[in-house]
């Protein structure tokens, strides 16, 4: 779902901020920026990445969220010929 609203990063008389709730991304069509949830929190709170991660973790109720997390699993994708695909 895409939503349009006024941008919180500049005086906005008309809605210029698009939010894609399915992809978790945003874009200000007036030029303030764009990105994902982390970039939005960093810009909105004027904070560094670690602080933004901690705030997001608190909001979603997941205190273990961090940049240094190890993956639970690693998958190797190959094409029909057995070569690495992704």
N, C-alpha and C. Protein backbone atom coordinates (compact mmCIF):
# COMPACT_ATOMS: atom_id res chain seq x y z
N UNK A 1 0.84 -1.16 0.00
CA UNK A 1 0.00 0.00 0.00
C UNK A 1 0.90 1.23 0.00
N UNK A 2 0.53 2.20 -0.83
CA UNK A 2 1.27 3.46 -0.88
C UNK A 2 0.43 4.56 -0.28
N UNK A 3 1.07 5.33 0.56
CA UNK A 3 0.40 6.44 1.22
C UNK A 3 1.10 7.74 0.85
N UNK A 4 0.34 8.81 0.77
CA UNK A 4 0.90 10.13 0.54
C UNK A 4 0.54 11.02 1.71
N UNK A 5 1.51 11.79 2.19
CA UNK A 5 1.28 12.67 3.33
C UNK A 5 2.25 13.84 3.27
N UNK A 6 2.10 14.75 4.18
CA UNK A 6 3.02 15.88 4.26
C UNK A 6 4.35 15.42 4.85
N UNK A 7 5.41 15.94 4.31
CA UNK A 7 6.76 15.57 4.75
C UNK A 7 7.09 16.25 6.07
N UNK A 8 7.60 15.50 7.05
CA UNK A 8 7.96 16.10 8.34
C UNK A 8 9.32 16.81 8.31
N UNK A 9 10.03 16.74 7.18
CA UNK A 9 11.37 17.30 7.11
C UNK A 9 11.45 18.69 6.51
N UNK A 10 10.33 19.21 6.01
CA UNK A 10 10.30 20.58 5.50
C UNK A 10 8.88 21.11 5.59
N UNK A 11 8.71 22.44 5.57
CA UNK A 11 7.36 23.01 5.58
C UNK A 11 6.62 22.58 4.31
N UNK A 12 5.65 21.75 4.47
CA UNK A 12 4.99 21.11 3.33
C UNK A 12 3.52 21.53 3.28
N UNK A 13 3.14 22.28 2.26
CA UNK A 13 1.76 22.70 2.11
C UNK A 13 0.93 21.64 1.41
N UNK A 14 1.58 20.87 0.55
CA UNK A 14 0.91 19.78 -0.17
C UNK A 14 1.65 18.47 0.13
N UNK A 15 0.94 17.37 0.19
CA UNK A 15 1.60 16.09 0.46
C UNK A 15 2.69 15.78 -0.57
N UNK A 16 3.92 15.66 -0.09
CA UNK A 16 5.03 15.33 -0.99
C UNK A 16 5.77 14.07 -0.54
N UNK A 17 5.35 13.48 0.56
CA UNK A 17 6.01 12.28 1.08
C UNK A 17 5.20 11.05 0.70
N UNK A 18 5.87 10.12 0.01
CA UNK A 18 5.25 8.84 -0.32
C UNK A 18 5.83 7.78 0.60
N UNK A 19 4.96 6.92 1.12
CA UNK A 19 5.38 5.81 1.97
C UNK A 19 4.82 4.53 1.39
N UNK A 20 5.70 3.57 1.12
CA UNK A 20 5.30 2.27 0.63
C UNK A 20 5.36 1.32 1.82
N UNK A 21 4.19 0.98 2.38
CA UNK A 21 4.15 0.16 3.58
C UNK A 21 4.52 -1.29 3.32
N UNK A 22 4.36 -1.76 2.09
CA UNK A 22 4.72 -3.14 1.77
C UNK A 22 6.24 -3.32 1.71
N UNK A 23 6.92 -2.34 1.13
CA UNK A 23 8.37 -2.41 0.99
C UNK A 23 9.11 -1.76 2.16
N UNK A 24 8.40 -0.97 2.96
CA UNK A 24 9.03 -0.30 4.09
C UNK A 24 9.96 0.82 3.66
N UNK A 25 9.55 1.58 2.66
CA UNK A 25 10.41 2.66 2.20
C UNK A 25 9.61 3.95 2.03
N UNK A 26 10.34 5.06 1.93
CA UNK A 26 9.73 6.37 1.83
C UNK A 26 10.51 7.23 0.85
N UNK A 27 9.85 8.28 0.32
CA UNK A 27 10.53 9.22 -0.57
C UNK A 27 9.82 10.56 -0.49
N UNK A 28 10.61 11.61 -0.28
CA UNK A 28 10.08 12.97 -0.34
C UNK A 28 10.30 13.47 -1.76
N UNK A 29 9.22 13.76 -2.45
CA UNK A 29 9.30 14.19 -3.84
C UNK A 29 9.74 15.65 -3.96
N UNK A 30 9.90 16.34 -2.82
CA UNK A 30 10.43 17.70 -2.82
C UNK A 30 11.96 17.70 -2.65
N UNK A 31 12.53 16.51 -2.42
CA UNK A 31 13.98 16.39 -2.35
C UNK A 31 14.60 16.24 -0.98
N UNK A 32 13.82 15.99 0.05
CA UNK A 32 14.38 15.83 1.40
C UNK A 32 15.15 14.52 1.57
N UNK A 33 14.82 13.53 0.79
CA UNK A 33 15.51 12.26 0.90
C UNK A 33 14.58 11.09 0.63
N UNK A 34 15.14 9.90 0.78
CA UNK A 34 14.40 8.67 0.59
C UNK A 34 15.18 7.53 1.22
N UNK A 35 14.53 6.41 1.41
CA UNK A 35 15.21 5.25 1.97
C UNK A 35 14.26 4.34 2.70
N UNK A 36 14.83 3.56 3.60
CA UNK A 36 14.05 2.62 4.38
C UNK A 36 13.75 3.16 5.77
N UNK A 37 13.31 2.27 6.62
CA UNK A 37 12.93 2.65 7.98
C UNK A 37 14.12 3.22 8.75
N UNK A 38 15.28 2.61 8.60
CA UNK A 38 16.47 3.08 9.31
C UNK A 38 16.83 4.50 8.90
N UNK A 39 16.84 4.78 7.60
CA UNK A 39 17.17 6.12 7.13
C UNK A 39 16.14 7.14 7.62
N UNK A 40 14.86 6.75 7.64
CA UNK A 40 13.83 7.66 8.12
C UNK A 40 14.06 8.00 9.59
N UNK A 41 14.31 7.00 10.41
CA UNK A 41 14.52 7.24 11.85
C UNK A 41 15.77 8.08 12.09
N UNK A 42 16.84 7.81 11.35
CA UNK A 42 18.06 8.61 11.50
C UNK A 42 17.79 10.07 11.19
N UNK A 43 17.07 10.33 10.10
CA UNK A 43 16.78 11.71 9.71
C UNK A 43 15.77 12.35 10.66
N UNK A 44 14.71 11.62 11.01
CA UNK A 44 13.65 12.15 11.86
C UNK A 44 14.16 12.49 13.26
N UNK A 45 15.01 11.64 13.80
CA UNK A 45 15.52 11.83 15.17
C UNK A 45 16.88 12.51 15.21
N UNK A 46 17.45 12.80 14.04
CA UNK A 46 18.79 13.41 13.97
C UNK A 46 19.79 12.62 14.83
N UNK A 47 19.88 11.32 14.56
CA UNK A 47 20.74 10.47 15.38
C UNK A 47 21.61 9.58 14.49
N UNK A 48 22.53 8.87 15.12
CA UNK A 48 23.40 7.95 14.39
C UNK A 48 22.69 6.61 14.15
N UNK A 49 23.34 5.74 13.42
CA UNK A 49 22.75 4.46 13.04
C UNK A 49 22.42 3.59 14.25
N UNK A 50 23.35 3.50 15.20
CA UNK A 50 23.12 2.66 16.38
C UNK A 50 21.92 3.14 17.19
N UNK A 51 21.80 4.45 17.36
CA UNK A 51 20.67 5.00 18.10
C UNK A 51 19.37 4.76 17.35
N UNK A 52 19.41 4.94 16.04
CA UNK A 52 18.21 4.68 15.23
C UNK A 52 17.78 3.22 15.33
N UNK A 53 18.75 2.30 15.29
CA UNK A 53 18.43 0.88 15.43
C UNK A 53 17.79 0.60 16.79
N UNK A 54 18.33 1.19 17.84
CA UNK A 54 17.78 0.98 19.18
C UNK A 54 16.36 1.52 19.29
N UNK A 55 16.11 2.68 18.68
CA UNK A 55 14.77 3.25 18.72
C UNK A 55 13.78 2.41 17.95
N UNK A 56 14.19 1.92 16.79
CA UNK A 56 13.31 1.06 15.99
C UNK A 56 13.01 -0.22 16.75
N UNK A 57 14.04 -0.81 17.36
CA UNK A 57 13.86 -2.05 18.13
C UNK A 57 12.87 -1.83 19.26
N UNK A 58 12.95 -0.69 19.91
CA UNK A 58 12.03 -0.37 21.01
C UNK A 58 10.60 -0.22 20.48
N UNK A 59 10.46 0.47 19.35
CA UNK A 59 9.13 0.69 18.77
C UNK A 59 8.47 -0.62 18.38
N UNK A 60 9.23 -1.53 17.76
CA UNK A 60 8.65 -2.80 17.31
C UNK A 60 8.65 -3.86 18.40
N UNK A 61 9.22 -3.54 19.57
CA UNK A 61 9.20 -4.49 20.68
C UNK A 61 10.17 -5.64 20.52
N UNK A 62 11.31 -5.39 19.88
CA UNK A 62 12.32 -6.42 19.67
C UNK A 62 13.66 -5.89 20.16
N UNK A 63 13.95 -6.05 21.45
CA UNK A 63 15.15 -5.45 22.04
C UNK A 63 16.47 -6.03 21.53
N UNK A 64 16.46 -7.14 20.84
CA UNK A 64 17.69 -7.77 20.37
C UNK A 64 18.14 -7.27 18.99
N UNK A 65 17.36 -6.41 18.38
CA UNK A 65 17.68 -5.89 17.05
C UNK A 65 18.98 -5.11 17.08
N UNK A 66 19.93 -5.47 16.23
CA UNK A 66 21.20 -4.76 16.16
C UNK A 66 21.84 -4.96 14.80
N UNK A 67 22.79 -4.10 14.47
CA UNK A 67 23.48 -4.21 13.20
C UNK A 67 24.42 -5.40 13.17
N UNK A 68 24.89 -5.86 14.31
CA UNK A 68 25.88 -6.92 14.36
C UNK A 68 25.30 -8.32 14.47
N UNK A 69 24.01 -8.48 14.23
CA UNK A 69 23.42 -9.80 14.36
C UNK A 69 23.99 -10.76 13.32
N UNK A 70 24.13 -12.00 13.72
CA UNK A 70 24.58 -13.04 12.83
C UNK A 70 23.38 -13.65 12.11
N UNK A 71 23.53 -14.05 10.87
CA UNK A 71 22.40 -14.66 10.16
C UNK A 71 22.05 -16.01 10.76
N UNK A 72 20.78 -16.36 10.68
CA UNK A 72 20.33 -17.67 11.16
C UNK A 72 20.66 -18.75 10.16
N UNK A 73 20.68 -18.39 8.87
CA UNK A 73 20.98 -19.36 7.82
C UNK A 73 21.53 -18.61 6.62
N UNK A 74 22.36 -19.30 5.85
CA UNK A 74 22.90 -18.74 4.61
C UNK A 74 22.55 -19.70 3.49
N UNK A 75 21.95 -19.17 2.44
CA UNK A 75 21.53 -20.00 1.31
C UNK A 75 22.34 -19.65 0.08
N UNK A 76 22.75 -20.66 -0.65
CA UNK A 76 23.47 -20.44 -1.90
C UNK A 76 22.53 -20.79 -3.05
N UNK A 77 22.37 -19.86 -3.96
CA UNK A 77 21.50 -20.08 -5.11
C UNK A 77 22.36 -20.34 -6.34
N UNK A 78 21.98 -21.36 -7.10
CA UNK A 78 22.71 -21.70 -8.32
C UNK A 78 21.74 -21.78 -9.49
N UNK A 79 22.27 -21.54 -10.69
CA UNK A 79 21.44 -21.63 -11.89
C UNK A 79 21.36 -23.09 -12.33
N UNK A 80 20.76 -23.34 -13.49
CA UNK A 80 20.54 -24.71 -13.98
C UNK A 80 21.86 -25.42 -14.26
N UNK A 81 22.95 -24.66 -14.44
CA UNK A 81 24.26 -25.25 -14.71
C UNK A 81 25.11 -25.42 -13.45
N UNK A 82 24.54 -25.08 -12.31
CA UNK A 82 25.25 -25.23 -11.05
C UNK A 82 26.17 -24.07 -10.69
N UNK A 83 26.11 -22.98 -11.44
CA UNK A 83 26.93 -21.81 -11.14
C UNK A 83 26.20 -20.92 -10.15
N UNK A 84 27.01 -20.24 -9.31
CA UNK A 84 26.42 -19.31 -8.34
C UNK A 84 25.53 -18.31 -9.06
N UNK A 85 24.34 -18.16 -8.53
CA UNK A 85 23.37 -17.25 -9.14
C UNK A 85 23.19 -16.01 -8.31
N UNK A 86 23.10 -16.18 -7.00
CA UNK A 86 22.85 -15.04 -6.11
C UNK A 86 23.53 -15.28 -4.80
